PDB file of N, CA and C in Angstrom:
ATOM      1  N   MET A   1       6.555 -11.337 -25.856  1.00  0.00           N
ATOM      2  CA  MET A   1       6.823 -11.232 -24.708  1.00  0.00           C
ATOM      3  C   MET A   1       5.632 -11.011 -23.710  1.00  0.00           C
ATOM      4  N   LYS A   2       5.538 -11.911 -22.724  1.00  0.00           N
ATOM      5  CA  LYS A   2       4.556 -11.866 -21.841  1.00  0.00           C
ATOM      6  C   LYS A   2       4.720 -10.818 -20.724  1.00  0.00           C
ATOM      7  N   HIS A   3       3.586 -10.341 -20.227  1.00  0.00           N
ATOM      8  CA  HIS A   3       3.845  -8.988 -18.959  1.00  0.00           C
ATOM      9  C   HIS A   3       2.845  -9.831 -17.879  1.00  0.00           C
ATOM     10  N   ILE A   4       3.687 -10.211 -16.532  1.00  0.00           N
ATOM     11  CA  ILE A   4       3.038 -10.706 -15.429  1.00  0.00           C
ATOM     12  C   ILE A   4       3.347  -9.853 -14.309  1.00  0.00           C
ATOM     13  N   ALA A   5       2.219  -9.589 -13.710  1.00  0.00           N
ATOM     14  CA  ALA A   5       2.213  -8.601 -12.137  1.00  0.00           C
ATOM     15  C   ALA A   5       2.036  -9.825 -11.269  1.00  0.00           C
ATOM     16  N   VAL A   6       2.699  -9.946 -10.115  1.00  0.00           N
ATOM     17  CA  VAL A   6       2.600 -10.493  -9.098  1.00  0.00           C
ATOM     18  C   VAL A   6       2.730  -9.523  -7.672  1.00  0.00           C
ATOM     19  N   VAL A   7       1.306  -9.328  -7.175  1.00  0.00           N
ATOM     20  CA  VAL A   7       1.175  -8.348  -6.269  1.00  0.00           C
ATOM     21  C   VAL A   7       1.175  -9.184  -4.710  1.00  0.00           C
ATOM     22  N   GLY A   8       2.184  -9.156  -4.155  1.00  0.00           N
ATOM     23  CA  GLY A   8       2.341 -10.016  -2.919  1.00  0.00           C
ATOM     24  C   GLY A   8       3.508 -11.130  -3.253  1.00  0.00           C
ATOM     25  N   CYS A   9       4.708 -10.934  -2.516  1.00  0.00           N
ATOM     26  CA  CYS A   9       5.826 -11.483  -2.456  1.00  0.00           C
ATOM     27  C   CYS A   9       6.011 -12.557  -1.331  1.00  0.00           C
ATOM     28  N   GLY A  10       5.114 -12.760  -0.855  1.00  0.00           N
ATOM     29  CA  GLY A  10       5.121 -13.653   0.492  1.00  0.00           C
ATOM     30  C   GLY A  10       5.051 -15.146   0.233  1.00  0.00           C
ATOM     31  N   PHE A  11       4.209 -15.903   0.953  1.00  0.00           N
ATOM     32  CA  PHE A  11       3.883 -17.446   0.895  1.00  0.00           C
ATOM     33  C   PHE A  11       3.510 -17.714  -0.599  1.00  0.00           C
ATOM     34  N   VAL A  12       2.653 -17.267  -0.674  1.00  0.00           N
ATOM     35  CA  VAL A  12       2.029 -17.846  -2.175  1.00  0.00           C
ATOM     36  C   VAL A  12       2.451 -16.951  -3.635  1.00  0.00           C
ATOM     37  N   GLY A  13       2.863 -15.682  -3.210  1.00  0.00           N
ATOM     38  CA  GLY A  13       3.327 -15.038  -4.033  1.00  0.00           C
ATOM     39  C   GLY A  13       4.790 -15.357  -4.569  1.00  0.00           C
ATOM     40  N   SER A  14       5.609 -15.319  -3.763  1.00  0.00           N
ATOM     41  CA  SER A  14       7.130 -16.046  -4.030  1.00  0.00           C
ATOM     42  C   SER A  14       7.340 -17.427  -4.799  1.00  0.00           C
ATOM     43  N   LEU A  15       6.251 -18.363  -4.197  1.00  0.00           N
ATOM     44  CA  LEU A  15       6.415 -19.528  -4.807  1.00  0.00           C
ATOM     45  C   LEU A  15       5.769 -19.553  -6.160  1.00  0.00           C
ATOM     46  N   PHE A  16       4.768 -18.826  -6.439  1.00  0.00           N
ATOM     47  CA  PHE A  16       3.907 -18.884  -7.660  1.00  0.00           C
ATOM     48  C   PHE A  16       4.794 -18.049  -8.762  1.00  0.00           C
ATOM     49  N   ALA A  17       5.721 -17.107  -8.249  1.00  0.00           N
ATOM     50  CA  ALA A  17       6.287 -16.048  -9.209  1.00  0.00           C
ATOM     51  C   ALA A  17       7.600 -17.205  -9.831  1.00  0.00           C
ATOM     52  N   GLU A  18       8.042 -18.098  -8.766  1.00  0.00           N
ATOM     53  CA  GLU A  18       9.331 -18.621  -9.116  1.00  0.00           C
ATOM     54  C   GLU A  18       8.646 -20.119 -10.140  1.00  0.00           C
ATOM     55  N   GLU A  19       7.409 -20.592  -9.716  1.00  0.00           N
ATOM     56  CA  GLU A  19       7.104 -21.759 -10.435  1.00  0.00           C
ATOM     57  C   GLU A  19       6.393 -21.238 -11.867  1.00  0.00           C
ATOM     58  N   LEU A  20       6.112 -20.268 -11.883  1.00  0.00           N
ATOM     59  CA  LEU A  20       5.510 -19.653 -13.213  1.00  0.00           C
ATOM     60  C   LEU A  20       7.131 -19.153 -14.125  1.00  0.00           C
ATOM     61  N   ALA A  21       7.925 -18.761 -13.526  1.00  0.00           N
ATOM     62  CA  ALA A  21       9.336 -18.540 -14.273  1.00  0.00           C
ATOM     63  C   ALA A  21       9.798 -19.764 -14.784  1.00  0.00           C
ATOM     64  N   LYS A  22       9.733 -20.842 -14.208  1.00  0.00           N
ATOM     65  CA  LYS A  22      10.121 -22.255 -14.328  1.00  0.00           C
ATOM     66  C   LYS A  22       9.393 -22.639 -15.388  1.00  0.00           C
ATOM     67  N   LEU A  23       7.931 -22.684 -15.301  1.00  0.00           N
ATOM     68  CA  LEU A  23       7.296 -23.082 -16.349  1.00  0.00           C
ATOM     69  C   LEU A  23       7.347 -22.213 -17.807  1.00  0.00           C
ATOM     70  N   LEU A  24       7.211 -21.372 -17.842  1.00  0.00           N
ATOM     71  CA  LEU A  24       7.541 -20.265 -19.051  1.00  0.00           C
ATOM     72  C   LEU A  24       8.959 -20.714 -19.826  1.00  0.00           C
ATOM     73  N   TRP A  25       9.900 -20.893 -18.640  1.00  0.00           N
ATOM     74  CA  TRP A  25      11.271 -21.473 -19.391  1.00  0.00           C
ATOM     75  C   TRP A  25      11.009 -22.657 -20.192  1.00  0.00           C
ATOM     76  N   ALA A  26      10.439 -23.471 -19.377  1.00  0.00           N
ATOM     77  CA  ALA A  26      10.248 -24.770 -20.108  1.00  0.00           C
ATOM     78  C   ALA A  26       9.922 -24.925 -21.409  1.00  0.00           C
ATOM     79  N   PHE A  27       8.822 -24.062 -21.344  1.00  0.00           N
ATOM     80  CA  PHE A  27       7.971 -23.860 -22.896  1.00  0.00           C
ATOM     81  C   PHE A  27       8.710 -22.793 -23.739  1.00  0.00           C
ATOM     82  N   GLU A  28      10.250 -22.490 -23.412  1.00  0.00           N
ATOM     83  CA  GLU A  28      10.931 -21.492 -24.113  1.00  0.00           C
ATOM     84  C   GLU A  28      10.137 -20.104 -24.310  1.00  0.00           C
ATOM     85  N   GLU A  29       9.374 -19.631 -23.348  1.00  0.00           N
ATOM     86  CA  GLU A  29       8.816 -18.454 -23.494  1.00  0.00           C
ATOM     87  C   GLU A  29       9.343 -17.590 -22.716  1.00  0.00           C
ATOM     88  N   THR A  30       9.616 -16.127 -22.770  1.00  0.00           N
ATOM     89  CA  THR A  30      10.056 -15.127 -21.853  1.00  0.00           C
ATOM     90  C   THR A  30       8.780 -14.347 -21.376  1.00  0.00           C
ATOM     91  N   ALA A  31       9.471 -13.619 -20.342  1.00  0.00           N
ATOM     92  CA  ALA A  31       8.314 -12.742 -19.670  1.00  0.00           C
ATOM     93  C   ALA A  31       8.851 -11.778 -18.921  1.00  0.00           C
ATOM     94  N   GLU A  32       8.202 -10.879 -18.906  1.00  0.00           N
ATOM     95  CA  GLU A  32       8.479  -9.483 -17.800  1.00  0.00           C
ATOM     96  C   GLU A  32       7.737  -9.662 -16.689  1.00  0.00           C
ATOM     97  N   PHE A  33       8.088  -9.746 -15.491  1.00  0.00           N
ATOM     98  CA  PHE A  33       7.668  -9.678 -14.435  1.00  0.00           C
ATOM     99  C   PHE A  33       7.897  -8.519 -13.504  1.00  0.00           C
ATOM    100  N   VAL A  34       6.765  -8.140 -13.325  1.00  0.00           N
ATOM    101  CA  VAL A  34       6.551  -6.895 -11.940  1.00  0.00           C
ATOM    102  C   VAL A  34       6.138  -7.696 -10.740  1.00  0.00           C
ATOM    103  N   LEU A  35       7.035  -7.304  -9.900  1.00  0.00           N
ATOM    104  CA  LEU A  35       6.807  -7.815  -8.526  1.00  0.00           C
ATOM    105  C   LEU A  35       6.606  -6.584  -7.306  1.00  0.00           C
ATOM    106  N   VAL A  36       5.342  -6.693  -6.637  1.00  0.00           N
ATOM    107  CA  VAL A  36       5.163  -5.603  -5.872  1.00  0.00           C
ATOM    108  C   VAL A  36       4.899  -6.158  -4.334  1.00  0.00           C
ATOM    109  N   ASP A  37       5.503  -5.687  -3.372  1.00  0.00           N
ATOM    110  CA  ASP A  37       5.410  -6.030  -2.136  1.00  0.00           C
ATOM    111  C   ASP A  37       6.225  -4.675  -1.180  1.00  0.00           C
ATOM    112  N   ASN A  38       5.834  -4.609  -0.090  1.00  0.00           N
ATOM    113  CA  ASN A  38       6.517  -3.997   0.585  1.00  0.00           C
ATOM    114  C   ASN A  38       7.195  -4.245   1.946  1.00  0.00           C
ATOM    115  N   ASP A  39       7.217  -5.632   1.904  1.00  0.00           N
ATOM    116  CA  ASP A  39       7.826  -6.276   3.131  1.00  0.00           C
ATOM    117  C   ASP A  39       9.233  -6.799   2.743  1.00  0.00           C
ATOM    118  N   THR A  40       9.849  -6.949   4.065  1.00  0.00           N
ATOM    119  CA  THR A  40      11.217  -7.479   4.077  1.00  0.00           C
ATOM    120  C   THR A  40      11.243  -8.891   4.311  1.00  0.00           C
ATOM    121  N   VAL A  41      12.448 -10.038   4.127  1.00  0.00           N
ATOM    122  CA  VAL A  41      12.368 -11.189   4.563  1.00  0.00           C
ATOM    123  C   VAL A  41      13.055 -11.340   5.917  1.00  0.00           C
ATOM    124  N   GLU A  42      12.274 -12.092   6.714  1.00  0.00           N
ATOM    125  CA  GLU A  42      12.581 -12.328   8.099  1.00  0.00           C
ATOM    126  C   GLU A  42      12.830 -13.738   8.469  1.00  0.00           C
ATOM    127  N   ALA A  43      13.567 -14.387   9.299  1.00  0.00           N
ATOM    128  CA  ALA A  43      14.027 -15.485   9.529  1.00  0.00           C
ATOM    129  C   ALA A  43      12.425 -16.508   9.520  1.00  0.00           C
ATOM    130  N   ARG A  44      11.722 -16.094   9.980  1.00  0.00           N
ATOM    131  CA  ARG A  44      10.134 -16.937  10.101  1.00  0.00           C
ATOM    132  C   ARG A  44       9.897 -17.081   8.598  1.00  0.00           C
ATOM    133  N   ASN A  45      10.182 -16.393   7.538  1.00  0.00           N
ATOM    134  CA  ASN A  45       9.917 -16.586   6.236  1.00  0.00           C
ATOM    135  C   ASN A  45      10.434 -17.706   5.816  1.00  0.00           C
ATOM    136  N   ALA A  46      11.374 -18.037   6.017  1.00  0.00           N
ATOM    137  CA  ALA A  46      12.516 -19.076   5.352  1.00  0.00           C
ATOM    138  C   ALA A  46      11.798 -20.421   5.620  1.00  0.00           C
ATOM    139  N   ALA A  47      10.758 -21.073   6.414  1.00  0.00           N
ATOM    140  CA  ALA A  47      10.258 -21.946   7.034  1.00  0.00           C
ATOM    141  C   ALA A  47       8.988 -22.331   5.918  1.00  0.00           C
ATOM    142  N   ASN A  48       8.411 -21.453   5.429  1.00  0.00           N
ATOM    143  CA  ASN A  48       7.331 -21.630   4.840  1.00  0.00           C
ATOM    144  C   ASN A  48       7.214 -20.748   3.199  1.00  0.00           C
ATOM    145  N   GLN A  49       8.151 -20.245   3.011  1.00  0.00           N
ATOM    146  CA  GLN A  49       8.017 -19.476   1.826  1.00  0.00           C
ATOM    147  C   GLN A  49       9.394 -19.841   0.952  1.00  0.00           C
ATOM    148  N   LEU A  50       9.658 -19.109  -0.031  1.00  0.00           N
ATOM    149  CA  LEU A  50      10.786 -19.215  -1.146  1.00  0.00           C
ATOM    150  C   LEU A  50      12.162 -19.011  -0.455  1.00  0.00           C
ATOM    151  N   PHE A  51      12.257 -18.186   0.611  1.00  0.00           N
ATOM    152  CA  PHE A  51      13.491 -17.468   0.802  1.00  0.00           C
ATOM    153  C   PHE A  51      14.364 -18.219   1.706  1.00  0.00           C
ATOM    154  N   VAL A  52      15.489 -17.987   1.572  1.00  0.00           N
ATOM    155  CA  VAL A  52      16.707 -18.642   2.349  1.00  0.00           C
ATOM    156  C   VAL A  52      17.388 -17.656   3.449  1.00  0.00           C
ATOM    157  N   PRO A  53      18.074 -18.087   4.276  1.00  0.00           N
ATOM    158  CA  PRO A  53      18.912 -17.244   5.206  1.00  0.00           C
ATOM    159  C   PRO A  53      19.650 -15.831   4.684  1.00  0.00           C
ATOM    160  N   THR A  54      20.478 -16.579   3.399  1.00  0.00           N
ATOM    161  CA  THR A  54      21.067 -15.234   2.755  1.00  0.00           C
ATOM    162  C   THR A  54      20.001 -14.134   2.556  1.00  0.00           C
ATOM    163  N   ASP A  55      18.840 -14.215   2.391  1.00  0.00           N
ATOM    164  CA  ASP A  55      17.948 -13.066   2.022  1.00  0.00           C
ATOM    165  C   ASP A  55      17.458 -12.454   3.085  1.00  0.00           C
ATOM    166  N   TYR A  56      17.638 -12.808   4.581  1.00  0.00           N
ATOM    167  CA  TYR A  56      17.047 -12.180   5.455  1.00  0.00           C
ATOM    168  C   TYR A  56      17.673 -10.739   5.389  1.00  0.00           C
ATOM    169  N   GLY A  57      16.658  -9.737   5.836  1.00  0.00           N
ATOM    170  CA  GLY A  57      16.611  -8.515   5.802  1.00  0.00           C
ATOM    171  C   GLY A  57      16.527  -7.803   4.353  1.00  0.00           C
ATOM    172  N   ALA A  58      16.399  -8.391   2.958  1.00  0.00           N
ATOM    173  CA  ALA A  58      16.268  -7.774   1.762  1.00  0.00           C
ATOM    174  C   ALA A  58      14.948  -7.640   1.796  1.00  0.00           C
ATOM    175  N   ALA A  59      14.573  -7.011   0.795  1.00  0.00           N
ATOM    176  CA  ALA A  59      12.978  -6.730   0.195  1.00  0.00           C
ATOM    177  C   ALA A  59      12.599  -7.733  -0.159  1.00  0.00           C
ATOM    178  N   LYS A  60      11.408  -8.500  -0.140  1.00  0.00           N
ATOM    179  CA  LYS A  60      10.829  -9.626  -0.819  1.00  0.00           C
ATOM    180  C   LYS A  60      11.046  -9.586  -2.330  1.00  0.00           C
ATOM    181  N   VAL A  61      10.623  -8.458  -2.636  1.00  0.00           N
ATOM    182  CA  VAL A  61      10.726  -8.147  -4.140  1.00  0.00           C
ATOM    183  C   VAL A  61      12.168  -8.420  -4.983  1.00  0.00           C
ATOM    184  N   HIS A  62      12.916  -8.182  -3.941  1.00  0.00           N
ATOM    185  CA  HIS A  62      14.361  -8.403  -4.719  1.00  0.00           C
ATOM    186  C   HIS A  62      14.741  -9.622  -4.616  1.00  0.00           C
ATOM    187  N   ALA A  63      14.409 -10.196  -3.593  1.00  0.00           N
ATOM    188  CA  ALA A  63      14.866 -11.687  -3.371  1.00  0.00           C
ATOM    189  C   ALA A  63      14.187 -12.708  -4.350  1.00  0.00           C
ATOM    190  N   VAL A  64      12.922 -12.444  -4.628  1.00  0.00           N
ATOM    191  CA  VAL A  64      11.877 -12.965  -5.813  1.00  0.00           C
ATOM    192  C   VAL A  64      12.532 -12.770  -7.249  1.00  0.00           C
ATOM    193  N   ALA A  65      12.780 -11.192  -7.497  1.00  0.00           N
ATOM    194  CA  ALA A  65      13.344 -10.923  -8.421  1.00  0.00           C
ATOM    195  C   ALA A  65      14.680 -11.657  -8.914  1.00  0.00           C
ATOM    196  N   ALA A  66      15.632 -12.045  -8.002  1.00  0.00           N
ATOM    197  CA  ALA A  66      16.692 -12.686  -8.343  1.00  0.00           C
ATOM    198  C   ALA A  66      16.627 -14.163  -8.624  1.00  0.00           C
ATOM    199  N   ARG A  67      15.308 -14.644  -8.451  1.00  0.00           N
ATOM    200  CA  ARG A  67      15.132 -16.006  -8.688  1.00  0.00           C
ATOM    201  C   ARG A  67      14.575 -15.987 -10.147  1.00  0.00           C
ATOM    202  N   VAL A  68      13.668 -15.246 -10.315  1.00  0.00           N
ATOM    203  CA  VAL A  68      12.803 -14.942 -11.661  1.00  0.00           C
ATOM    204  C   VAL A  68      13.828 -14.875 -12.663  1.00  0.00           C
ATOM    205  N   VAL A  69      15.066 -13.760 -12.699  1.00  0.00           N
ATOM    206  CA  VAL A  69      16.055 -13.648 -13.626  1.00  0.00           C
ATOM    207  C   VAL A  69      16.574 -14.749 -13.847  1.00  0.00           C
ATOM    208  N   LYS A  70      16.903 -16.142 -12.941  1.00  0.00           N
ATOM    209  CA  LYS A  70      17.731 -17.069 -13.427  1.00  0.00           C
ATOM    210  C   LYS A  70      16.983 -17.814 -14.665  1.00  0.00           C
ATOM    211  N   TYR A  71      15.989 -17.791 -14.682  1.00  0.00           N
ATOM    212  CA  TYR A  71      14.999 -18.293 -15.746  1.00  0.00           C
ATOM    213  C   TYR A  71      15.080 -17.656 -17.039  1.00  0.00           C
ATOM    214  N   PHE A  72      16.117 -16.417 -17.142  1.00  0.00           N
ATOM    215  CA  PHE A  72      16.020 -15.779 -18.454  1.00  0.00           C
ATOM    216  C   PHE A  72      14.839 -14.692 -18.621  1.00  0.00           C
ATOM    217  N   HIS A  73      14.313 -14.313 -17.603  1.00  0.00           N
ATOM    218  CA  HIS A  73      13.105 -13.359 -17.565  1.00  0.00           C
ATOM    219  C   HIS A  73      13.760 -12.035 -17.130  1.00  0.00           C
ATOM    220  N   THR A  74      13.058 -10.958 -17.195  1.00  0.00           N
ATOM    221  CA  THR A  74      13.120  -9.823 -16.562  1.00  0.00           C
ATOM    222  C   THR A  74      12.259  -9.490 -15.248  1.00  0.00           C
ATOM    223  N   ALA A  75      12.629  -8.767 -14.376  1.00  0.00           N
ATOM    224  CA  ALA A  75      11.849  -8.574 -13.280  1.00  0.00           C
ATOM    225  C   ALA A  75      11.847  -7.371 -13.013  1.00  0.00           C
ATOM    226  N   THR A  76      11.049  -6.766 -12.544  1.00  0.00           N
ATOM    227  CA  THR A  76      10.853  -5.104 -11.836  1.00  0.00           C
ATOM    228  C   THR A  76      10.265  -5.223 -10.827  1.00  0.00           C
ATOM    229  N   PRO A  77      11.177  -4.886  -9.611  1.00  0.00           N
ATOM    230  CA  PRO A  77      10.614  -4.989  -8.237  1.00  0.00           C
ATOM    231  C   PRO A  77      10.175  -3.757  -7.860  1.00  0.00           C
ATOM    232  N   VAL A  78       8.836  -3.775  -7.226  1.00  0.00           N
ATOM    233  CA  VAL A  78       8.220  -2.303  -6.783  1.00  0.00           C
ATOM    234  C   VAL A  78       8.192  -2.485  -5.177  1.00  0.00           C
ATOM    235  N   GLU A  79       9.004  -1.646  -4.340  1.00  0.00           N
ATOM    236  CA  GLU A  79       8.744  -1.703  -3.086  1.00  0.00           C
ATOM    237  C   GLU A  79       7.596  -0.902  -2.764  1.00  0.00           C
ATOM    238  N   LYS A  80       6.152  -1.240  -2.483  1.00  0.00           N
ATOM    239  CA  LYS A  80       5.057  -0.374  -2.382  1.00  0.00           C
ATOM    240  C   LYS A  80       4.033  -1.232  -1.941  1.00  0.00           C
ATOM    241  N   ARG A  81       3.108  -0.875  -1.135  1.00  0.00           N
ATOM    242  CA  ARG A  81       1.866  -1.505  -0.413  1.00  0.00           C
ATOM    243  C   ARG A  81       0.596  -1.287  -1.522  1.00  0.00           C
ATOM    244  N   VAL A  82       0.003  -1.953  -1.769  1.00  0.00           N
ATOM    245  CA  VAL A  82      -1.202  -1.540  -2.863  1.00  0.00           C
ATOM    246  C   VAL A  82      -2.359  -1.605  -1.613  1.00  0.00           C
ATOM    247  N   LYS A  83      -2.906  -0.342  -1.917  1.00  0.00           N
ATOM    248  CA  LYS A  83      -4.091  -0.058  -1.190  1.00  0.00           C
ATOM    249  C   LYS A  83      -5.533  -0.124  -2.076  1.00  0.00           C
ATOM    250  N   SER A  84      -6.510  -0.743  -1.208  1.00  0.00           N
ATOM    251  CA  SER A  84      -7.641  -0.686  -1.931  1.00  0.00           C
ATOM    252  C   SER A  84      -8.225   0.738  -1.757  1.00  0.00           C
ATOM    253  N   LYS A  85      -9.329   1.000  -2.514  1.00  0.00           N
ATOM    254  CA  LYS A  85     -10.003   2.328  -2.365  1.00  0.00           C
ATOM    255  C   LYS A  85     -10.561   2.673  -0.976  1.00  0.00           C
ATOM    256  N   LYS A  86     -11.046   1.704  -0.368  1.00  0.00           N
ATOM    257  CA  LYS A  86     -11.538   1.479   1.063  1.00  0.00           C
ATOM    258  C   LYS A  86     -10.547   1.968   2.061  1.00  0.00           C
ATOM    259  N   ASP A  87      -9.203   1.481   1.713  1.00  0.00           N
ATOM    260  CA  ASP A  87      -8.030   1.870   2.695  1.00  0.00           C
ATOM    261  C   ASP A  87      -7.617   3.437   2.347  1.00  0.00           C
ATOM    262  N   GLU A  88      -7.875   3.821   1.471  1.00  0.00           N
ATOM    263  CA  GLU A  88      -7.610   5.472   1.339  1.00  0.00           C
ATOM    264  C   GLU A  88      -8.569   6.311   1.945  1.00  0.00           C
ATOM    265  N   ALA A  89      -9.679   6.082   2.191  1.00  0.00           N
ATOM    266  CA  ALA A  89     -10.922   6.576   2.611  1.00  0.00           C
ATOM    267  C   ALA A  89     -10.690   7.009   4.083  1.00  0.00           C
TER     268      ALA A  89
END
């Protein structure tokens, strides 16, 4: 089983996670995804990200996880902001 971490589930991260899940499924591979983001889905996100109106108000990591598991992978959503050492100082 492959292990994949996606940090940031906005525009690039949400689309990347689902496309990678599809690609792995097509090659009959399974993966364990860890999805990290601290943001929630807003109406403005649906225009240019993976999200749909039924996702409004949900944590982005949970919305993306719901799509990843449709391709028979596992997904662990982590609602957290990743900070650099510079941010901690």
